[in-house]
Amino acid sequence: MVDQETFKDLLPLACEWAKKLEEFVRGHGHPLGPTHAWDAHLAGVQDCARIRVLVVDRIPLPEDPKLAEAARRVRIITEDTRCMGLGHALIVRGDAWNDRELILHNLVHIAQGERAGGLEQWVHEYLGDRTNCPNFSIGSLEEEARRIAHEICAAEAAA
């Protein structure tokens, strides 16, 4: 759990880290292919052409030790994290590239960021949403991403 004072101290660091990570991925990543671009559309992304994908061996933790420890402690980023969508950046571990529901889930997070008005606003909303949940585990934005990704996969499996 993260107390409110710690949360307020770490929030600007989290926003700055997310911005730098998005910039890196947008500069070094690749555009979505046709299948993933269609999935981004299904997930609600308005500007699919802006998304860049970076395939990595592991999802990077923040460089700031306090932020990295908090991210691990509340399980936002752990050694098991396989994908992350923020801003118009999609970071995917190589061993998770074929997990469509996971990719869709993170594309929903990108769509949420667009709706929120940008990356910084989404980080505030996403982390703030999770602070209102027991054990900082899940919030309405995370639930929405899980639900939409599952519904898209289930609908196509039924078709």
N, C-alpha and C. Protein backbone atom coordinates (compact mmCIF):
# COMPACT_ATOMS: atom_id res chain seq x y z
N MET A 1 0.84 -1.18 0.00
CA MET A 1 0.00 0.00 0.00
C MET A 1 0.89 1.24 0.00
N VAL A 2 0.43 2.28 -0.64
CA VAL A 2 1.14 3.55 -0.69
C VAL A 2 0.28 4.59 0.01
N ASP A 3 0.84 5.22 1.04
CA ASP A 3 0.06 6.24 1.75
C ASP A 3 -0.04 7.50 0.89
N GLN A 4 -0.98 8.37 1.24
CA GLN A 4 -1.27 9.56 0.42
C GLN A 4 -0.07 10.49 0.31
N GLU A 5 0.69 10.65 1.36
CA GLU A 5 1.85 11.54 1.31
C GLU A 5 2.91 11.01 0.34
N THR A 6 3.19 9.72 0.43
CA THR A 6 4.15 9.10 -0.49
C THR A 6 3.63 9.18 -1.92
N PHE A 7 2.34 8.93 -2.09
CA PHE A 7 1.73 9.00 -3.41
C PHE A 7 1.93 10.39 -4.02
N LYS A 8 1.66 11.44 -3.22
CA LYS A 8 1.81 12.81 -3.72
C LYS A 8 3.26 13.12 -4.08
N ASP A 9 4.21 12.56 -3.33
CA ASP A 9 5.63 12.78 -3.63
C ASP A 9 6.06 12.05 -4.90
N LEU A 10 5.51 10.85 -5.11
CA LEU A 10 5.94 10.02 -6.24
C LEU A 10 5.21 10.34 -7.54
N LEU A 11 4.03 10.93 -7.47
CA LEU A 11 3.24 11.18 -8.67
C LEU A 11 3.98 12.00 -9.73
N PRO A 12 4.64 13.11 -9.37
CA PRO A 12 5.37 13.86 -10.41
C PRO A 12 6.52 13.03 -11.01
N LEU A 13 7.16 12.21 -10.18
CA LEU A 13 8.23 11.34 -10.69
C LEU A 13 7.67 10.31 -11.66
N ALA A 14 6.50 9.77 -11.34
CA ALA A 14 5.86 8.78 -12.21
C ALA A 14 5.48 9.42 -13.55
N CYS A 15 4.97 10.63 -13.51
CA CYS A 15 4.61 11.34 -14.75
C CYS A 15 5.84 11.59 -15.61
N GLU A 16 6.91 12.03 -15.00
CA GLU A 16 8.14 12.32 -15.73
C GLU A 16 8.72 11.05 -16.33
N TRP A 17 8.73 9.98 -15.56
CA TRP A 17 9.23 8.69 -16.05
C TRP A 17 8.39 8.22 -17.23
N ALA A 18 7.07 8.31 -17.12
CA ALA A 18 6.18 7.86 -18.20
C ALA A 18 6.42 8.68 -19.47
N LYS A 19 6.60 9.99 -19.32
CA LYS A 19 6.87 10.85 -20.49
C LYS A 19 8.18 10.45 -21.18
N LYS A 20 9.22 10.23 -20.40
CA LYS A 20 10.52 9.84 -20.97
C LYS A 20 10.43 8.48 -21.66
N LEU A 21 9.71 7.56 -21.03
CA LEU A 21 9.56 6.23 -21.62
C LEU A 21 8.78 6.31 -22.93
N GLU A 22 7.71 7.09 -22.94
CA GLU A 22 6.94 7.24 -24.17
C GLU A 22 7.81 7.86 -25.27
N GLU A 23 8.56 8.89 -24.94
CA GLU A 23 9.44 9.52 -25.93
C GLU A 23 10.45 8.51 -26.49
N PHE A 24 11.02 7.69 -25.62
CA PHE A 24 11.99 6.70 -26.07
C PHE A 24 11.34 5.71 -27.04
N VAL A 25 10.18 5.19 -26.66
CA VAL A 25 9.49 4.21 -27.51
C VAL A 25 9.05 4.85 -28.82
N ARG A 26 8.56 6.06 -28.76
CA ARG A 26 8.12 6.72 -29.99
C ARG A 26 9.32 7.01 -30.91
N GLY A 27 10.50 7.17 -30.35
CA GLY A 27 11.69 7.40 -31.15
C GLY A 27 12.37 6.13 -31.65
N HIS A 28 12.19 5.02 -30.93
CA HIS A 28 12.89 3.78 -31.27
C HIS A 28 11.96 2.63 -31.66
N GLY A 29 10.68 2.80 -31.46
CA GLY A 29 9.73 1.74 -31.76
C GLY A 29 9.29 1.73 -33.21
N HIS A 30 8.39 0.82 -33.49
CA HIS A 30 7.88 0.64 -34.85
C HIS A 30 6.37 0.86 -34.87
N PRO A 31 5.84 1.28 -36.02
CA PRO A 31 4.38 1.44 -36.12
C PRO A 31 3.69 0.09 -35.96
N LEU A 32 2.42 0.14 -35.62
CA LEU A 32 1.62 -1.07 -35.54
C LEU A 32 1.45 -1.66 -36.93
N GLY A 33 1.47 -2.97 -37.01
CA GLY A 33 1.12 -3.64 -38.26
C GLY A 33 -0.40 -3.61 -38.43
N PRO A 34 -0.90 -4.05 -39.56
CA PRO A 34 -2.34 -3.97 -39.84
C PRO A 34 -3.22 -4.68 -38.81
N THR A 35 -2.82 -5.85 -38.35
CA THR A 35 -3.64 -6.59 -37.38
C THR A 35 -3.72 -5.85 -36.06
N HIS A 36 -2.57 -5.39 -35.56
CA HIS A 36 -2.57 -4.67 -34.29
C HIS A 36 -3.20 -3.28 -34.43
N ALA A 37 -3.10 -2.68 -35.60
CA ALA A 37 -3.77 -1.39 -35.82
C ALA A 37 -5.28 -1.59 -35.75
N TRP A 38 -5.78 -2.69 -36.30
CA TRP A 38 -7.21 -2.98 -36.22
C TRP A 38 -7.61 -3.22 -34.76
N ASP A 39 -6.78 -3.95 -34.04
CA ASP A 39 -7.07 -4.17 -32.62
C ASP A 39 -7.07 -2.85 -31.85
N ALA A 40 -6.16 -1.95 -32.18
CA ALA A 40 -6.14 -0.64 -31.52
C ALA A 40 -7.46 0.09 -31.79
N HIS A 41 -7.93 0.02 -33.01
CA HIS A 41 -9.22 0.62 -33.37
C HIS A 41 -10.34 -0.01 -32.53
N LEU A 42 -10.35 -1.34 -32.46
CA LEU A 42 -11.38 -2.04 -31.66
C LEU A 42 -11.30 -1.66 -30.19
N ALA A 43 -10.10 -1.38 -29.71
CA ALA A 43 -9.89 -1.02 -28.30
C ALA A 43 -10.28 0.43 -28.01
N GLY A 44 -10.57 1.20 -29.06
CA GLY A 44 -11.02 2.58 -28.86
C GLY A 44 -9.98 3.64 -29.11
N VAL A 45 -8.80 3.26 -29.62
CA VAL A 45 -7.76 4.24 -29.90
C VAL A 45 -8.21 5.10 -31.08
N GLN A 46 -8.11 6.40 -30.94
CA GLN A 46 -8.50 7.33 -31.99
C GLN A 46 -7.39 7.55 -33.01
N ASP A 47 -6.15 7.62 -32.56
CA ASP A 47 -5.04 7.93 -33.44
C ASP A 47 -4.05 6.77 -33.46
N CYS A 48 -4.46 5.69 -34.11
CA CYS A 48 -3.65 4.46 -34.15
C CYS A 48 -2.29 4.68 -34.82
N ALA A 49 -2.22 5.61 -35.75
CA ALA A 49 -0.98 5.85 -36.48
C ALA A 49 0.13 6.40 -35.58
N ARG A 50 -0.23 7.01 -34.47
CA ARG A 50 0.78 7.56 -33.55
C ARG A 50 1.43 6.51 -32.67
N ILE A 51 0.80 5.37 -32.53
CA ILE A 51 1.34 4.34 -31.63
C ILE A 51 2.62 3.76 -32.19
N ARG A 52 3.58 3.59 -31.30
CA ARG A 52 4.82 2.90 -31.63
C ARG A 52 4.99 1.74 -30.66
N VAL A 53 5.52 0.64 -31.18
CA VAL A 53 5.69 -0.59 -30.41
C VAL A 53 7.18 -0.85 -30.24
N LEU A 54 7.55 -1.22 -29.02
CA LEU A 54 8.92 -1.62 -28.74
C LEU A 54 8.88 -2.98 -28.07
N VAL A 55 9.53 -3.95 -28.68
CA VAL A 55 9.61 -5.30 -28.10
C VAL A 55 10.90 -5.35 -27.28
N VAL A 56 10.76 -5.81 -26.03
CA VAL A 56 11.87 -5.81 -25.08
C VAL A 56 12.02 -7.17 -24.41
N ASP A 57 13.14 -7.36 -23.75
CA ASP A 57 13.35 -8.58 -22.96
C ASP A 57 12.62 -8.50 -21.62
N ARG A 58 12.55 -7.28 -21.07
CA ARG A 58 11.82 -7.06 -19.81
C ARG A 58 11.30 -5.63 -19.80
N ILE A 59 10.21 -5.43 -19.09
CA ILE A 59 9.62 -4.10 -18.96
C ILE A 59 10.51 -3.31 -17.99
N PRO A 60 10.95 -2.13 -18.40
CA PRO A 60 11.88 -1.39 -17.54
C PRO A 60 11.22 -0.78 -16.31
N LEU A 61 11.94 -0.85 -15.21
CA LEU A 61 11.52 -0.17 -13.99
C LEU A 61 12.02 1.28 -14.04
N PRO A 62 11.38 2.17 -13.33
CA PRO A 62 11.90 3.54 -13.26
C PRO A 62 13.31 3.55 -12.69
N GLU A 63 14.11 4.53 -13.12
CA GLU A 63 15.47 4.66 -12.60
C GLU A 63 15.49 5.17 -11.17
N ASP A 64 14.53 6.02 -10.81
CA ASP A 64 14.47 6.55 -9.45
C ASP A 64 14.20 5.39 -8.48
N PRO A 65 15.08 5.17 -7.50
CA PRO A 65 14.93 4.01 -6.60
C PRO A 65 13.62 4.00 -5.83
N LYS A 66 13.17 5.15 -5.35
CA LYS A 66 11.91 5.19 -4.58
C LYS A 66 10.72 4.85 -5.47
N LEU A 67 10.72 5.38 -6.69
CA LEU A 67 9.63 5.10 -7.62
C LEU A 67 9.67 3.64 -8.06
N ALA A 68 10.85 3.11 -8.31
CA ALA A 68 10.98 1.71 -8.70
C ALA A 68 10.49 0.79 -7.58
N GLU A 69 10.86 1.09 -6.35
CA GLU A 69 10.42 0.27 -5.22
C GLU A 69 8.90 0.33 -5.06
N ALA A 70 8.32 1.51 -5.20
CA ALA A 70 6.86 1.65 -5.10
C ALA A 70 6.17 0.88 -6.22
N ALA A 71 6.71 0.96 -7.44
CA ALA A 71 6.12 0.25 -8.58
C ALA A 71 6.14 -1.26 -8.34
N ARG A 72 7.23 -1.78 -7.77
CA ARG A 72 7.31 -3.20 -7.45
C ARG A 72 6.36 -3.56 -6.31
N ARG A 73 6.37 -2.73 -5.27
CA ARG A 73 5.59 -3.03 -4.06
C ARG A 73 4.09 -3.10 -4.36
N VAL A 74 3.59 -2.18 -5.20
CA VAL A 74 2.16 -2.17 -5.50
C VAL A 74 1.85 -2.98 -6.76
N ARG A 75 2.87 -3.62 -7.30
CA ARG A 75 2.74 -4.56 -8.41
C ARG A 75 2.25 -3.91 -9.71
N ILE A 76 2.65 -2.66 -9.95
CA ILE A 76 2.37 -2.04 -11.24
C ILE A 76 3.40 -2.53 -12.25
N ILE A 77 4.65 -2.59 -11.84
CA ILE A 77 5.71 -3.15 -12.67
C ILE A 77 6.51 -4.13 -11.81
N THR A 78 6.56 -5.37 -12.25
CA THR A 78 7.34 -6.40 -11.56
C THR A 78 8.15 -7.16 -12.61
N GLU A 79 8.88 -8.14 -12.17
CA GLU A 79 9.62 -8.99 -13.10
C GLU A 79 8.66 -9.77 -13.99
N ASP A 80 7.41 -9.93 -13.56
CA ASP A 80 6.41 -10.68 -14.32
C ASP A 80 5.64 -9.82 -15.32
N THR A 81 5.80 -8.50 -15.28
CA THR A 81 5.07 -7.62 -16.18
C THR A 81 5.48 -7.93 -17.63
N ARG A 82 4.47 -8.13 -18.49
CA ARG A 82 4.76 -8.55 -19.86
C ARG A 82 4.44 -7.49 -20.91
N CYS A 83 3.68 -6.46 -20.52
CA CYS A 83 3.29 -5.45 -21.50
C CYS A 83 2.87 -4.18 -20.76
N MET A 84 3.05 -3.05 -21.43
CA MET A 84 2.64 -1.78 -20.85
C MET A 84 2.24 -0.84 -21.98
N GLY A 85 1.10 -0.20 -21.83
CA GLY A 85 0.66 0.80 -22.79
C GLY A 85 0.52 2.12 -22.09
N LEU A 86 1.24 3.14 -22.58
CA LEU A 86 1.11 4.47 -21.98
C LEU A 86 1.38 5.52 -23.04
N GLY A 87 0.61 6.57 -23.00
CA GLY A 87 0.70 7.57 -24.05
C GLY A 87 0.37 6.90 -25.38
N HIS A 88 1.25 7.03 -26.34
CA HIS A 88 1.11 6.30 -27.60
C HIS A 88 2.26 5.30 -27.75
N ALA A 89 2.68 4.74 -26.61
CA ALA A 89 3.75 3.75 -26.59
C ALA A 89 3.22 2.42 -26.10
N LEU A 90 3.59 1.37 -26.80
CA LEU A 90 3.24 0.01 -26.41
C LEU A 90 4.55 -0.75 -26.26
N ILE A 91 4.83 -1.20 -25.04
CA ILE A 91 6.06 -1.92 -24.73
C ILE A 91 5.65 -3.35 -24.42
N VAL A 92 6.23 -4.29 -25.17
CA VAL A 92 5.82 -5.69 -25.06
C VAL A 92 7.05 -6.56 -24.90
N ARG A 93 7.00 -7.44 -23.90
CA ARG A 93 8.06 -8.44 -23.80
C ARG A 93 7.94 -9.38 -24.98
N GLY A 94 9.06 -9.80 -25.53
CA GLY A 94 9.06 -10.68 -26.70
C GLY A 94 8.24 -11.94 -26.51
N ASP A 95 8.24 -12.49 -25.30
CA ASP A 95 7.49 -13.72 -25.05
C ASP A 95 5.99 -13.50 -24.89
N ALA A 96 5.55 -12.25 -24.96
CA ALA A 96 4.12 -11.93 -24.82
C ALA A 96 3.51 -11.40 -26.11
N TRP A 97 4.31 -11.33 -27.15
CA TRP A 97 3.87 -10.70 -28.39
C TRP A 97 2.61 -11.35 -28.97
N ASN A 98 2.43 -12.63 -28.77
CA ASN A 98 1.27 -13.33 -29.33
C ASN A 98 0.09 -13.43 -28.38
N ASP A 99 0.14 -12.73 -27.26
CA ASP A 99 -0.98 -12.73 -26.30
C ASP A 99 -1.92 -11.58 -26.67
N ARG A 100 -2.87 -11.89 -27.54
CA ARG A 100 -3.75 -10.84 -28.07
C ARG A 100 -4.52 -10.11 -26.99
N GLU A 101 -5.05 -10.84 -26.03
CA GLU A 101 -5.84 -10.19 -24.98
C GLU A 101 -4.98 -9.22 -24.17
N LEU A 102 -3.74 -9.57 -23.91
CA LEU A 102 -2.82 -8.69 -23.18
C LEU A 102 -2.53 -7.43 -24.00
N ILE A 103 -2.27 -7.60 -25.30
CA ILE A 103 -2.02 -6.45 -26.17
C ILE A 103 -3.25 -5.55 -26.20
N LEU A 104 -4.43 -6.14 -26.39
CA LEU A 104 -5.67 -5.36 -26.40
C LEU A 104 -5.86 -4.60 -25.10
N HIS A 105 -5.60 -5.24 -23.99
CA HIS A 105 -5.71 -4.62 -22.67
C HIS A 105 -4.90 -3.33 -22.64
N ASN A 106 -3.68 -3.41 -23.12
CA ASN A 106 -2.80 -2.24 -23.09
C ASN A 106 -3.16 -1.20 -24.15
N LEU A 107 -3.74 -1.64 -25.24
CA LEU A 107 -4.26 -0.69 -26.22
C LEU A 107 -5.45 0.08 -25.64
N VAL A 108 -6.24 -0.56 -24.79
CA VAL A 108 -7.32 0.15 -24.09
C VAL A 108 -6.72 1.23 -23.20
N HIS A 109 -5.61 0.95 -22.53
CA HIS A 109 -4.96 1.98 -21.72
C HIS A 109 -4.53 3.17 -22.58
N ILE A 110 -4.07 2.90 -23.80
CA ILE A 110 -3.71 3.99 -24.70
C ILE A 110 -4.95 4.80 -25.06
N ALA A 111 -6.05 4.13 -25.33
CA ALA A 111 -7.32 4.82 -25.62
C ALA A 111 -7.77 5.66 -24.41
N GLN A 112 -7.59 5.11 -23.22
CA GLN A 112 -7.95 5.86 -22.01
C GLN A 112 -7.12 7.14 -21.91
N GLY A 113 -5.84 7.04 -22.26
CA GLY A 113 -4.97 8.21 -22.24
C GLY A 113 -5.45 9.27 -23.21
N GLU A 114 -5.88 8.85 -24.38
CA GLU A 114 -6.42 9.82 -25.34
C GLU A 114 -7.66 10.50 -24.77
N ARG A 115 -8.56 9.71 -24.18
CA ARG A 115 -9.78 10.27 -23.59
C ARG A 115 -9.47 11.21 -22.44
N ALA A 116 -8.42 10.90 -21.68
CA ALA A 116 -8.06 11.71 -20.52
C ALA A 116 -7.45 13.05 -20.93
N GLY A 117 -7.00 13.14 -22.18
CA GLY A 117 -6.39 14.38 -22.64
C GLY A 117 -4.88 14.32 -22.73
N GLY A 118 -4.31 13.14 -22.56
CA GLY A 118 -2.86 12.99 -22.69
C GLY A 118 -2.27 12.12 -21.61
N LEU A 119 -1.00 11.84 -21.77
CA LEU A 119 -0.30 10.92 -20.89
C LEU A 119 -0.29 11.37 -19.43
N GLU A 120 0.06 12.61 -19.18
CA GLU A 120 0.16 13.07 -17.79
C GLU A 120 -1.19 12.99 -17.08
N GLN A 121 -2.24 13.41 -17.77
CA GLN A 121 -3.58 13.35 -17.17
C GLN A 121 -3.97 11.91 -16.89
N TRP A 122 -3.63 11.00 -17.83
CA TRP A 122 -3.96 9.60 -17.64
C TRP A 122 -3.19 9.00 -16.46
N VAL A 123 -1.91 9.32 -16.34
CA VAL A 123 -1.11 8.80 -15.21
C VAL A 123 -1.74 9.25 -13.90
N HIS A 124 -2.13 10.52 -13.81
CA HIS A 124 -2.80 11.02 -12.60
C HIS A 124 -4.08 10.24 -12.34
N GLU A 125 -4.87 10.06 -13.40
CA GLU A 125 -6.16 9.38 -13.25
C GLU A 125 -5.96 7.90 -12.90
N TYR A 126 -5.07 7.23 -13.62
CA TYR A 126 -4.84 5.80 -13.41
C TYR A 126 -4.31 5.52 -12.01
N LEU A 127 -3.27 6.24 -11.60
CA LEU A 127 -2.69 6.00 -10.28
C LEU A 127 -3.63 6.47 -9.18
N GLY A 128 -4.30 7.60 -9.39
CA GLY A 128 -5.27 8.07 -8.41
C GLY A 128 -6.41 7.08 -8.23
N ASP A 129 -6.86 6.49 -9.34
CA ASP A 129 -7.92 5.49 -9.31
C ASP A 129 -7.50 4.29 -8.47
N ARG A 130 -6.26 3.88 -8.63
CA ARG A 130 -5.78 2.71 -7.90
C ARG A 130 -5.57 3.00 -6.42
N THR A 131 -5.29 4.26 -6.05
CA THR A 131 -5.11 4.56 -4.62
C THR A 131 -6.42 4.43 -3.86
N ASN A 132 -7.53 4.45 -4.56
CA ASN A 132 -8.83 4.33 -3.91
C ASN A 132 -9.28 2.87 -3.79
N CYS A 133 -8.42 1.94 -4.13
CA CYS A 133 -8.76 0.52 -4.11
C CYS A 133 -7.98 -0.18 -3.00
N PRO A 134 -8.56 -1.26 -2.47
CA PRO A 134 -7.82 -2.02 -1.46
C PRO A 134 -6.50 -2.53 -2.03
N ASN A 135 -5.45 -2.35 -1.27
CA ASN A 135 -4.11 -2.83 -1.64
C ASN A 135 -3.60 -2.27 -2.96
N PHE A 136 -4.16 -1.15 -3.43
CA PHE A 136 -3.69 -0.49 -4.65
C PHE A 136 -3.72 -1.47 -5.82
N SER A 137 -4.65 -2.42 -5.79
CA SER A 137 -4.60 -3.53 -6.72
C SER A 137 -5.24 -3.27 -8.08
N ILE A 138 -6.39 -2.69 -8.08
CA ILE A 138 -7.11 -2.52 -9.35
C ILE A 138 -8.03 -1.32 -9.20
N GLY A 139 -8.30 -0.69 -10.26
CA GLY A 139 -9.22 0.45 -10.27
C GLY A 139 -10.13 0.34 -11.47
N SER A 140 -10.98 1.32 -11.64
CA SER A 140 -11.96 1.26 -12.72
C SER A 140 -11.30 1.26 -14.10
N LEU A 141 -10.17 1.94 -14.26
CA LEU A 141 -9.50 1.95 -15.57
C LEU A 141 -8.90 0.58 -15.88
N GLU A 142 -8.36 -0.07 -14.87
CA GLU A 142 -7.81 -1.42 -15.05
C GLU A 142 -8.94 -2.40 -15.33
N GLU A 143 -10.04 -2.26 -14.61
CA GLU A 143 -11.20 -3.13 -14.86
C GLU A 143 -11.73 -2.94 -16.27
N GLU A 144 -11.81 -1.68 -16.72
CA GLU A 144 -12.28 -1.41 -18.08
C GLU A 144 -11.37 -2.07 -19.11
N ALA A 145 -10.06 -1.97 -18.94
CA ALA A 145 -9.12 -2.56 -19.88
C ALA A 145 -9.28 -4.08 -19.92
N ARG A 146 -9.43 -4.70 -18.77
CA ARG A 146 -9.62 -6.15 -18.72
C ARG A 146 -10.92 -6.56 -19.40
N ARG A 147 -11.99 -5.84 -19.11
CA ARG A 147 -13.30 -6.17 -19.66
C ARG A 147 -13.32 -6.04 -21.18
N ILE A 148 -12.86 -4.91 -21.69
CA ILE A 148 -12.91 -4.68 -23.14
C ILE A 148 -12.04 -5.68 -23.88
N ALA A 149 -10.84 -5.92 -23.39
CA ALA A 149 -9.95 -6.89 -24.05
C ALA A 149 -10.59 -8.27 -24.08
N HIS A 150 -11.17 -8.67 -22.96
CA HIS A 150 -11.83 -9.98 -22.89
C HIS A 150 -13.03 -10.04 -23.83
N GLU A 151 -13.84 -9.00 -23.86
CA GLU A 151 -15.03 -8.98 -24.71
C GLU A 151 -14.66 -9.08 -26.19
N ILE A 152 -13.63 -8.37 -26.61
CA ILE A 152 -13.20 -8.42 -28.02
C ILE A 152 -12.74 -9.83 -28.37
N CYS A 153 -11.94 -10.43 -27.52
CA CYS A 153 -11.45 -11.78 -27.79
C CYS A 153 -12.58 -12.80 -27.76
N ALA A 154 -13.48 -12.67 -26.80
CA ALA A 154 -14.60 -13.61 -26.69
C ALA A 154 -15.54 -13.49 -27.89
N ALA A 155 -15.80 -12.27 -28.35
CA ALA A 155 -16.70 -12.05 -29.48
C ALA A 155 -16.12 -12.67 -30.75
N GLU A 156 -14.82 -12.54 -30.94
CA GLU A 156 -14.21 -13.11 -32.15
C GLU A 156 -14.10 -14.62 -32.05
N ALA A 157 -13.95 -15.15 -30.83
CA ALA A 157 -13.90 -16.60 -30.67
C ALA A 157 -15.27 -17.22 -30.94
N ALA A 158 -16.33 -16.48 -30.62
CA ALA A 158 -17.69 -16.97 -30.83
C ALA A 158 -18.14 -16.85 -32.28
N ALA A 159 -17.47 -16.00 -33.03
CA ALA A 159 -17.89 -15.75 -34.43
C ALA A 159 -17.49 -16.86 -35.37
